[in-house]
Amino acid sequence: MSNLLLRLLTGKPPAAPRTVSRETVAIELGNGRRIEVLRVRDPRARRIRLSVDERGPRLTLPLRASDIAGQRFVIEHGDWLLAQMALADNDAQPLQPHADASVPLRGRDWPVRWRSARALRVELAEDALVIAVPDTLKPAALPRALRDFYEGQARADVGRWLPKYVSGLPRAPSRLRYRVMSSQWGSLAPDGALSLDLSLVLAPPAAFEYVLVHELCHLIHADHSRAFWREVEARCPDWREQRDYFRASGRSLKAGLRRLIAAQ
């Protein structure tokens, strides 16, 4: 007898749906402004979360949370939400040579300082990102140069962190590569090849390092068992804080990278 039929025969209410549901709702903030929010009810969610990406505001609710509680949460965080939406609007345009702009790196925005030169070059100065561009620039050249720059910065960060963890592992990763991932932050192949999302270099270093630790610990435990999380915590005690950062800001982080490295 199925669980649903048993509940019907015994008079018990049917179980709550275990699938993700989505709907767009209009919510009026305290200042009277009405905004559209994608409300997502997710059985995997443990608490109410609010985030903003290139597609707009997103409110994630666990099954037990009411719609009213979600609406109240949005109103209480209205100032933060409007600020994030403004940042997303500013980030919507791709980088244009000699235009005022800033780019993200290691958890902060760096102003761009343009220079004219014979060859395209992207360098990090003490207080800015310096981009030298020739008078004639192919549309795809700048996004490609930015991607190469970000990968170089990511490799430098991992190169500083990796040695302190390798000695405590059964083996080192067989190789390391950086990819643009749609949803994951990293992955470890059965042969020990480690892949990391390139947008990690845009995040605060502590968050980036947590993902590295997470994937390295899969060299010890391939699953997400309690033993695995004990290994993560031994190496990264604040891993919960870093995980929460990605839950709140990860989508906008990935969108920011895509905007910068997409060919014009």
C-alpha atoms as a PDB file:
ATOM      1  CA  MET A   1       0.000   0.000   0.000  1.00  0.00           C
ATOM      2  CA  SER A   2       1.393   3.378  -0.957  1.00  0.00           C
ATOM      3  CA  ASN A   3       2.080   6.022   1.689  1.00  0.00           C
ATOM      4  CA  LEU A   4      -0.449   8.349   0.063  1.00  0.00           C
ATOM      5  CA  LEU A   5      -3.219   5.707   0.103  1.00  0.00           C
ATOM      6  CA  LEU A   6      -2.397   4.817   3.710  1.00  0.00           C
ATOM      7  CA  ARG A   7      -2.711   8.463   4.724  1.00  0.00           C
ATOM      8  CA  LEU A   8      -6.042   8.769   2.935  1.00  0.00           C
ATOM      9  CA  LEU A   9      -7.431   5.653   4.645  1.00  0.00           C
ATOM     10  CA  THR A  10      -6.218   6.667   8.103  1.00  0.00           C
ATOM     11  CA  GLY A  11      -7.371  10.281   7.752  1.00  0.00           C
ATOM     12  CA  LYS A  12      -3.856  11.705   8.072  1.00  0.00           C
ATOM     13  CA  PRO A  13      -3.000  14.731   5.925  1.00  0.00           C
ATOM     14  CA  PRO A  14      -0.837  14.017   2.891  1.00  0.00           C
ATOM     15  CA  ALA A  15       2.865  14.614   3.212  1.00  0.00           C
ATOM     16  CA  ALA A  16       4.177  17.990   2.113  1.00  0.00           C
ATOM     17  CA  PRO A  17       5.461  17.989  -1.474  1.00  0.00           C
ATOM     18  CA  ARG A  18       9.174  17.265  -1.736  1.00  0.00           C
ATOM     19  CA  THR A  19       9.769  19.090  -5.003  1.00  0.00           C
ATOM     20  CA  VAL A  20      10.993  22.644  -5.511  1.00  0.00           C
ATOM     21  CA  SER A  21       8.253  25.136  -6.401  1.00  0.00           C
ATOM     22  CA  ARG A  22       8.793  28.605  -7.865  1.00  0.00           C
ATOM     23  CA  GLU A  23       6.556  31.612  -8.331  1.00  0.00           C
ATOM     24  CA  THR A  24       7.077  35.327  -8.826  1.00  0.00           C
ATOM     25  CA  VAL A  25       5.387  37.546  -6.247  1.00  0.00           C
ATOM     26  CA  ALA A  26       5.184  41.329  -5.769  1.00  0.00           C
ATOM     27  CA  ILE A  27       6.235  42.590  -2.342  1.00  0.00           C
ATOM     28  CA  GLU A  28       5.902  46.154  -1.100  1.00  0.00           C
ATOM     29  CA  LEU A  29       8.879  47.349   0.926  1.00  0.00           C
ATOM     30  CA  GLY A  30       8.723  49.742   3.831  1.00  0.00           C
ATOM     31  CA  ASN A  31       9.403  52.751   1.592  1.00  0.00           C
ATOM     32  CA  GLY A  32       6.389  51.908  -0.567  1.00  0.00           C
ATOM     33  CA  ARG A  33       8.400  50.513  -3.474  1.00  0.00           C
ATOM     34  CA  ARG A  34       7.004  47.304  -4.953  1.00  0.00           C
ATOM     35  CA  ILE A  35       9.444  44.766  -6.338  1.00  0.00           C
ATOM     36  CA  GLU A  36       9.026  41.373  -7.940  1.00  0.00           C
ATOM     37  CA  VAL A  37      10.715  38.513  -6.101  1.00  0.00           C
ATOM     38  CA  LEU A  38      11.166  34.921  -7.222  1.00  0.00           C
ATOM     39  CA  ARG A  39       9.845  32.883  -4.282  1.00  0.00           C
ATOM     40  CA  VAL A  40      11.348  29.399  -4.195  1.00  0.00           C
ATOM     41  CA  ARG A  41      10.056  26.781  -1.769  1.00  0.00           C
ATOM     42  CA  ASP A  42      12.781  24.179  -1.444  1.00  0.00           C
ATOM     43  CA  PRO A  43      12.548  21.023   0.719  1.00  0.00           C
ATOM     44  CA  ARG A  44      16.334  21.107   1.139  1.00  0.00           C
ATOM     45  CA  ALA A  45      16.333  24.628   2.618  1.00  0.00           C
ATOM     46  CA  ARG A  46      16.833  24.858   6.372  1.00  0.00           C
ATOM     47  CA  ARG A  47      16.192  28.564   6.785  1.00  0.00           C
ATOM     48  CA  ILE A  48      14.884  31.595   4.892  1.00  0.00           C
ATOM     49  CA  ARG A  49      17.431  33.082   2.492  1.00  0.00           C
ATOM     50  CA  LEU A  50      17.419  36.183   0.312  1.00  0.00           C
ATOM     51  CA  SER A  51      19.796  36.673  -2.616  1.00  0.00           C
ATOM     52  CA  VAL A  52      20.172  38.793  -5.729  1.00  0.00           C
ATOM     53  CA  ASP A  53      21.700  37.863  -9.065  1.00  0.00           C
ATOM     54  CA  GLU A  54      21.444  39.007 -12.672  1.00  0.00           C
ATOM     55  CA  ARG A  55      17.887  37.649 -12.801  1.00  0.00           C
ATOM     56  CA  GLY A  56      16.702  39.660  -9.797  1.00  0.00           C
ATOM     57  CA  PRO A  57      15.809  38.988  -6.140  1.00  0.00           C
ATOM     58  CA  ARG A  58      15.296  35.401  -5.005  1.00  0.00           C
ATOM     59  CA  LEU A  59      13.625  34.363  -1.739  1.00  0.00           C
ATOM     60  CA  THR A  60      14.209  30.752  -0.681  1.00  0.00           C
ATOM     61  CA  LEU A  61      11.844  29.251   1.885  1.00  0.00           C
ATOM     62  CA  PRO A  62      11.963  25.911   3.686  1.00  0.00           C
ATOM     63  CA  LEU A  63       8.743  23.900   3.587  1.00  0.00           C
ATOM     64  CA  ARG A  64       7.776  24.854   7.146  1.00  0.00           C
ATOM     65  CA  ALA A  65       8.043  28.632   6.550  1.00  0.00           C
ATOM     66  CA  SER A  66       4.855  30.528   5.691  1.00  0.00           C
ATOM     67  CA  ASP A  67       4.500  32.986   2.820  1.00  0.00           C
ATOM     68  CA  ILE A  68       3.870  35.736   5.389  1.00  0.00           C
ATOM     69  CA  ALA A  69       7.145  34.932   7.146  1.00  0.00           C
ATOM     70  CA  GLY A  70       8.948  35.152   3.819  1.00  0.00           C
ATOM     71  CA  GLN A  71       7.332  38.493   2.999  1.00  0.00           C
ATOM     72  CA  ARG A  72       8.269  39.857   6.408  1.00  0.00           C
ATOM     73  CA  PHE A  73      11.866  38.692   5.885  1.00  0.00           C
ATOM     74  CA  VAL A  74      12.086  40.596   2.586  1.00  0.00           C
ATOM     75  CA  ILE A  75      10.673  43.773   4.155  1.00  0.00           C
ATOM     76  CA  GLU A  76      13.082  43.566   7.116  1.00  0.00           C
ATOM     77  CA  HIS A  77      16.012  43.297   4.700  1.00  0.00           C
ATOM     78  CA  GLY A  78      14.658  45.864   2.249  1.00  0.00           C
ATOM     79  CA  ASP A  79      17.596  48.282   2.474  1.00  0.00           C
ATOM     80  CA  TRP A  80      20.095  45.492   1.842  1.00  0.00           C
ATOM     81  CA  LEU A  81      17.986  44.162  -1.021  1.00  0.00           C
ATOM     82  CA  LEU A  82      17.767  47.527  -2.799  1.00  0.00           C
ATOM     83  CA  ALA A  83      21.515  48.044  -2.403  1.00  0.00           C
ATOM     84  CA  GLN A  84      22.241  44.626  -3.914  1.00  0.00           C
ATOM     85  CA  MET A  85      19.845  45.284  -6.779  1.00  0.00           C
ATOM     86  CA  ALA A  86      21.624  48.569  -7.502  1.00  0.00           C
ATOM     87  CA  LEU A  87      24.979  46.760  -7.582  1.00  0.00           C
ATOM     88  CA  ALA A  88      23.552  44.146  -9.923  1.00  0.00           C
ATOM     89  CA  ASP A  89      22.300  46.876 -12.243  1.00  0.00           C
ATOM     90  CA  ASN A  90      25.727  48.498 -12.266  1.00  0.00           C
ATOM     91  CA  ASP A  91      27.330  45.145 -13.039  1.00  0.00           C
ATOM     92  CA  ALA A  92      25.013  44.415 -15.948  1.00  0.00           C
ATOM     93  CA  GLN A  93      27.201  46.131 -18.540  1.00  0.00           C
ATOM     94  CA  PRO A  94      30.359  44.447 -19.851  1.00  0.00           C
ATOM     95  CA  LEU A  95      33.701  46.171 -19.485  1.00  0.00           C
ATOM     96  CA  GLN A  96      34.359  48.802 -22.159  1.00  0.00           C
ATOM     97  CA  PRO A  97      37.831  50.222 -22.904  1.00  0.00           C
ATOM     98  CA  HIS A  98      38.504  53.622 -21.301  1.00  0.00           C
ATOM     99  CA  ALA A  99      35.114  53.695 -19.528  1.00  0.00           C
ATOM    100  CA  ASP A 100      34.891  54.228 -15.769  1.00  0.00           C
ATOM    101  CA  ALA A 101      34.594  50.801 -14.201  1.00  0.00           C
ATOM    102  CA  SER A 102      35.619  48.534 -11.355  1.00  0.00           C
ATOM    103  CA  VAL A 103      36.157  44.782 -11.311  1.00  0.00           C
ATOM    104  CA  PRO A 104      35.884  42.263  -8.472  1.00  0.00           C
ATOM    105  CA  LEU A 105      38.861  40.349  -7.121  1.00  0.00           C
ATOM    106  CA  ARG A 106      39.400  38.660  -3.740  1.00  0.00           C
ATOM    107  CA  GLY A 107      36.274  40.056  -2.148  1.00  0.00           C
ATOM    108  CA  ARG A 108      36.655  43.704  -3.129  1.00  0.00           C
ATOM    109  CA  ASP A 109      36.120  45.950  -6.130  1.00  0.00           C
ATOM    110  CA  TRP A 110      39.217  47.312  -7.834  1.00  0.00           C
ATOM    111  CA  PRO A 111      38.958  50.488  -9.935  1.00  0.00           C
ATOM    112  CA  VAL A 112      40.151  50.061 -13.492  1.00  0.00           C
ATOM    113  CA  ARG A 113      42.903  52.363 -14.739  1.00  0.00           C
ATOM    114  CA  TRP A 114      43.222  52.352 -18.518  1.00  0.00           C
ATOM    115  CA  ARG A 115      46.408  52.993 -20.459  1.00  0.00           C
ATOM    116  CA  SER A 116      47.127  53.140 -24.156  1.00  0.00           C
ATOM    117  CA  ALA A 117      49.733  50.680 -25.382  1.00  0.00           C
ATOM    118  CA  ARG A 118      50.743  48.649 -28.391  1.00  0.00           C
ATOM    119  CA  ALA A 119      49.749  45.347 -26.776  1.00  0.00           C
ATOM    120  CA  LEU A 120      46.899  44.344 -24.502  1.00  0.00           C
ATOM    121  CA  ARG A 121      48.000  43.699 -20.930  1.00  0.00           C
ATOM    122  CA  VAL A 122      46.169  43.300 -17.589  1.00  0.00           C
ATOM    123  CA  GLU A 123      48.123  43.891 -14.372  1.00  0.00           C
ATOM    124  CA  LEU A 124      47.286  44.338 -10.710  1.00  0.00           C
ATOM    125  CA  ALA A 125      48.735  47.495  -9.162  1.00  0.00           C
ATOM    126  CA  GLU A 126      48.646  48.452  -5.499  1.00  0.00           C
ATOM    127  CA  ASP A 127      45.358  50.322  -5.726  1.00  0.00           C
ATOM    128  CA  ALA A 128      43.860  49.452  -9.129  1.00  0.00           C
ATOM    129  CA  LEU A 129      43.643  47.046 -11.998  1.00  0.00           C
ATOM    130  CA  VAL A 130      45.721  48.494 -14.829  1.00  0.00           C
ATOM    131  CA  ILE A 131      44.615  47.526 -18.333  1.00  0.00           C
ATOM    132  CA  ALA A 132      46.776  48.581 -21.257  1.00  0.00           C
ATOM    133  CA  VAL A 133      44.869  48.488 -24.547  1.00  0.00           C
ATOM    134  CA  PRO A 134      45.929  49.168 -28.140  1.00  0.00           C
ATOM    135  CA  ASP A 135      44.033  51.616 -30.322  1.00  0.00           C
ATOM    136  CA  THR A 136      42.617  48.738 -32.367  1.00  0.00           C
ATOM    137  CA  LEU A 137      41.185  46.071 -30.092  1.00  0.00           C
ATOM    138  CA  LYS A 138      39.332  42.974 -31.275  1.00  0.00           C
ATOM    139  CA  PRO A 139      36.033  42.448 -29.413  1.00  0.00           C
ATOM    140  CA  ALA A 140      37.037  39.083 -27.956  1.00  0.00           C
ATOM    141  CA  ALA A 141      40.519  40.145 -26.851  1.00  0.00           C
ATOM    142  CA  LEU A 142      39.632  41.962 -23.618  1.00  0.00           C
ATOM    143  CA  PRO A 143      37.374  39.218 -22.171  1.00  0.00           C
ATOM    144  CA  ARG A 144      40.048  36.632 -23.019  1.00  0.00           C
ATOM    145  CA  ALA A 145      42.749  38.722 -21.345  1.00  0.00           C
ATOM    146  CA  LEU A 146      40.590  39.127 -18.236  1.00  0.00           C
ATOM    147  CA  ARG A 147      40.031  35.396 -18.050  1.00  0.00           C
ATOM    148  CA  ASP A 148      43.768  34.748 -18.325  1.00  0.00           C
ATOM    149  CA  PHE A 149      44.396  37.368 -15.637  1.00  0.00           C
ATOM    150  CA  TYR A 150      41.875  35.803 -13.258  1.00  0.00           C
ATOM    151  CA  GLU A 151      43.280  32.328 -13.819  1.00  0.00           C
ATOM    152  CA  GLY A 152      46.771  33.582 -13.060  1.00  0.00           C
ATOM    153  CA  GLN A 153      45.564  35.156  -9.820  1.00  0.00           C
ATOM    154  CA  ALA A 154      43.691  31.972  -8.862  1.00  0.00           C
ATOM    155  CA  ARG A 155      46.764  29.842  -9.496  1.00  0.00           C
ATOM    156  CA  ALA A 156      48.848  32.165  -7.356  1.00  0.00           C
ATOM    157  CA  ASP A 157      46.384  31.880  -4.450  1.00  0.00           C
ATOM    158  CA  VAL A 158      46.143  28.097  -4.625  1.00  0.00           C
ATOM    159  CA  GLY A 159      49.919  27.896  -4.972  1.00  0.00           C
ATOM    160  CA  ARG A 160      50.232  29.637  -1.588  1.00  0.00           C
ATOM    161  CA  TRP A 161      47.604  27.494   0.151  1.00  0.00           C
ATOM    162  CA  LEU A 162      48.136  24.021  -1.249  1.00  0.00           C
ATOM    163  CA  PRO A 163      51.497  23.125   0.354  1.00  0.00           C
ATOM    164  CA  LYS A 164      50.159  23.398   3.910  1.00  0.00           C
ATOM    165  CA  TYR A 165      47.425  20.832   3.204  1.00  0.00           C
ATOM    166  CA  VAL A 166      49.130  18.256   0.966  1.00  0.00           C
ATOM    167  CA  SER A 167      51.211  16.704   3.760  1.00  0.00           C
ATOM    168  CA  GLY A 168      48.032  15.660   5.590  1.00  0.00           C
ATOM    169  CA  LEU A 169      46.463  13.966   2.571  1.00  0.00           C
ATOM    170  CA  PRO A 170      46.870  10.404   1.279  1.00  0.00           C
ATOM    171  CA  ARG A 171      47.971  11.867  -2.066  1.00  0.00           C
ATOM    172  CA  ALA A 172      48.156  15.169  -3.879  1.00  0.00           C
ATOM    173  CA  PRO A 173      45.735  16.078  -6.687  1.00  0.00           C
ATOM    174  CA  SER A 174      46.909  14.601  -9.965  1.00  0.00           C
ATOM    175  CA  ARG A 175      46.305  17.894 -11.760  1.00  0.00           C
ATOM    176  CA  LEU A 176      44.526  21.192 -11.240  1.00  0.00           C
ATOM    177  CA  ARG A 177      42.404  23.173 -13.669  1.00  0.00           C
ATOM    178  CA  TYR A 178      40.090  26.184 -13.543  1.00  0.00           C
ATOM    179  CA  ARG A 179      36.736  26.141 -15.285  1.00  0.00           C
ATOM    180  CA  VAL A 180      33.633  28.284 -15.538  1.00  0.00           C
ATOM    181  CA  MET A 181      31.060  26.145 -13.737  1.00  0.00           C
ATOM    182  CA  SER A 182      27.337  26.773 -13.840  1.00  0.00           C
ATOM    183  CA  SER A 183      26.482  25.510 -10.348  1.00  0.00           C
ATOM    184  CA  GLN A 184      29.417  23.720  -8.727  1.00  0.00           C
ATOM    185  CA  TRP A 185      32.360  25.396  -7.020  1.00  0.00           C
ATOM    186  CA  GLY A 186      34.717  22.482  -7.408  1.00  0.00           C
ATOM    187  CA  SER A 187      34.932  18.795  -8.213  1.00  0.00           C
ATOM    188  CA  LEU A 188      37.362  15.943  -7.744  1.00  0.00           C
ATOM    189  CA  ALA A 189      37.554  13.245 -10.409  1.00  0.00           C
ATOM    190  CA  PRO A 190      38.260   9.588  -9.524  1.00  0.00           C
ATOM    191  CA  ASP A 191      41.794   9.969 -10.893  1.00  0.00           C
ATOM    192  CA  GLY A 192      42.457  12.824  -8.458  1.00  0.00           C
ATOM    193  CA  ALA A 193      42.082  15.656 -10.968  1.00  0.00           C
ATOM    194  CA  LEU A 194      40.844  18.753  -9.170  1.00  0.00           C
ATOM    195  CA  SER A 195      38.651  21.337 -10.915  1.00  0.00           C
ATOM    196  CA  LEU A 196      37.824  24.704  -9.352  1.00  0.00           C
ATOM    197  CA  ASP A 197      35.371  27.334 -10.506  1.00  0.00           C
ATOM    198  CA  LEU A 198      37.238  30.360 -11.823  1.00  0.00           C
ATOM    199  CA  SER A 199      34.821  32.774 -10.126  1.00  0.00           C
ATOM    200  CA  LEU A 200      36.246  31.675  -6.746  1.00  0.00           C
ATOM    201  CA  VAL A 201      39.041  34.209  -7.215  1.00  0.00           C
ATOM    202  CA  LEU A 202      36.394  36.961  -7.083  1.00  0.00           C
ATOM    203  CA  ALA A 203      35.336  35.844  -3.587  1.00  0.00           C
ATOM    204  CA  PRO A 204      37.048  36.688  -0.292  1.00  0.00           C
ATOM    205  CA  PRO A 205      40.185  34.537   0.054  1.00  0.00           C
ATOM    206  CA  ALA A 206      38.808  32.670   3.089  1.00  0.00           C
ATOM    207  CA  ALA A 207      35.820  31.511   1.033  1.00  0.00           C
ATOM    208  CA  PHE A 208      38.035  30.429  -1.879  1.00  0.00           C
ATOM    209  CA  GLU A 209      40.347  28.529   0.471  1.00  0.00           C
ATOM    210  CA  TYR A 210      37.369  26.740   2.052  1.00  0.00           C
ATOM    211  CA  VAL A 211      36.338  25.326  -1.351  1.00  0.00           C
ATOM    212  CA  LEU A 212      39.908  24.154  -1.932  1.00  0.00           C
ATOM    213  CA  VAL A 213      39.920  22.427   1.470  1.00  0.00           C
ATOM    214  CA  HIS A 214      36.512  20.896   0.788  1.00  0.00           C
ATOM    215  CA  GLU A 215      37.662  19.301  -2.454  1.00  0.00           C
ATOM    216  CA  LEU A 216      41.004  18.186  -1.022  1.00  0.00           C
ATOM    217  CA  CYS A 217      39.187  16.381   1.796  1.00  0.00           C
ATOM    218  CA  HIS A 218      37.455  14.277  -0.847  1.00  0.00           C
ATOM    219  CA  LEU A 219      40.857  12.664  -1.346  1.00  0.00           C
ATOM    220  CA  ILE A 220      40.251  11.187   2.123  1.00  0.00           C
ATOM    221  CA  HIS A 221      36.477  10.614   1.970  1.00  0.00           C
ATOM    222  CA  ALA A 222      34.682  10.564  -1.371  1.00  0.00           C
ATOM    223  CA  ASP A 223      31.294  11.187   0.251  1.00  0.00           C
ATOM    224  CA  HIS A 224      29.841  13.879   2.523  1.00  0.00           C
ATOM    225  CA  SER A 225      29.752  11.721   5.626  1.00  0.00           C
ATOM    226  CA  ARG A 226      30.334  12.956   9.165  1.00  0.00           C
ATOM    227  CA  ALA A 227      33.901  11.757   8.862  1.00  0.00           C
ATOM    228  CA  PHE A 228      34.346  13.950   5.788  1.00  0.00           C
ATOM    229  CA  TRP A 229      33.043  17.049   7.566  1.00  0.00           C
ATOM    230  CA  ARG A 230      35.327  16.354  10.521  1.00  0.00           C
ATOM    231  CA  GLU A 231      38.272  16.480   8.127  1.00  0.00           C
ATOM    232  CA  VAL A 232      36.998  19.773   6.680  1.00  0.00           C
ATOM    233  CA  GLU A 233      36.497  21.315  10.118  1.00  0.00           C
ATOM    234  CA  ALA A 234      39.966  20.288  11.272  1.00  0.00           C
ATOM    235  CA  ARG A 235      41.440  22.297   8.408  1.00  0.00           C
ATOM    236  CA  CYS A 236      38.823  25.065   8.109  1.00  0.00           C
ATOM    237  CA  PRO A 237      37.024  25.689  11.428  1.00  0.00           C
ATOM    238  CA  ASP A 238      34.877  28.496   9.976  1.00  0.00           C
ATOM    239  CA  TRP A 239      33.639  26.420   7.015  1.00  0.00           C
ATOM    240  CA  ARG A 240      29.983  27.043   7.909  1.00  0.00           C
ATOM    241  CA  GLU A 241      30.483  30.792   7.605  1.00  0.00           C
ATOM    242  CA  GLN A 242      32.139  30.373   4.218  1.00  0.00           C
ATOM    243  CA  ARG A 243      29.400  28.027   3.013  1.00  0.00           C
ATOM    244  CA  ASP A 244      26.798  30.616   4.028  1.00  0.00           C
ATOM    245  CA  TYR A 245      28.667  33.225   2.014  1.00  0.00           C
ATOM    246  CA  PHE A 246      28.298  31.153  -1.153  1.00  0.00           C
ATOM    247  CA  ARG A 247      24.639  30.494  -0.453  1.00  0.00           C
ATOM    248  CA  ALA A 248      23.991  34.218  -0.186  1.00  0.00           C
ATOM    249  CA  SER A 249      26.346  35.591  -2.841  1.00  0.00           C
ATOM    250  CA  GLY A 250      27.375  32.708  -5.044  1.00  0.00           C
ATOM    251  CA  ARG A 251      24.939  33.324  -7.870  1.00  0.00           C
ATOM    252  CA  SER A 252      25.964  36.970  -8.265  1.00  0.00           C
ATOM    253  CA  LEU A 253      29.622  35.928  -8.090  1.00  0.00           C
ATOM    254  CA  LYS A 254      29.231  33.559 -11.016  1.00  0.00           C
ATOM    255  CA  ALA A 255      27.181  36.120 -12.948  1.00  0.00           C
ATOM    256  CA  GLY A 256      29.886  38.745 -12.437  1.00  0.00           C
ATOM    257  CA  LEU A 257      32.533  36.495 -13.905  1.00  0.00           C
ATOM    258  CA  ARG A 258      30.376  35.590 -16.889  1.00  0.00           C
ATOM    259  CA  ARG A 259      29.784  39.282 -17.589  1.00  0.00           C
ATOM    260  CA  LEU A 260      33.494  40.068 -17.584  1.00  0.00           C
ATOM    261  CA  ILE A 261      34.786  37.204 -19.675  1.00  0.00           C
ATOM    262  CA  ALA A 262      31.957  36.911 -22.194  1.00  0.00           C
ATOM    263  CA  ALA A 263      33.132  37.837 -25.689  1.00  0.00           C
ATOM    264  CA  GLN A 264      31.503  40.971 -27.032  1.00  0.00           C
END
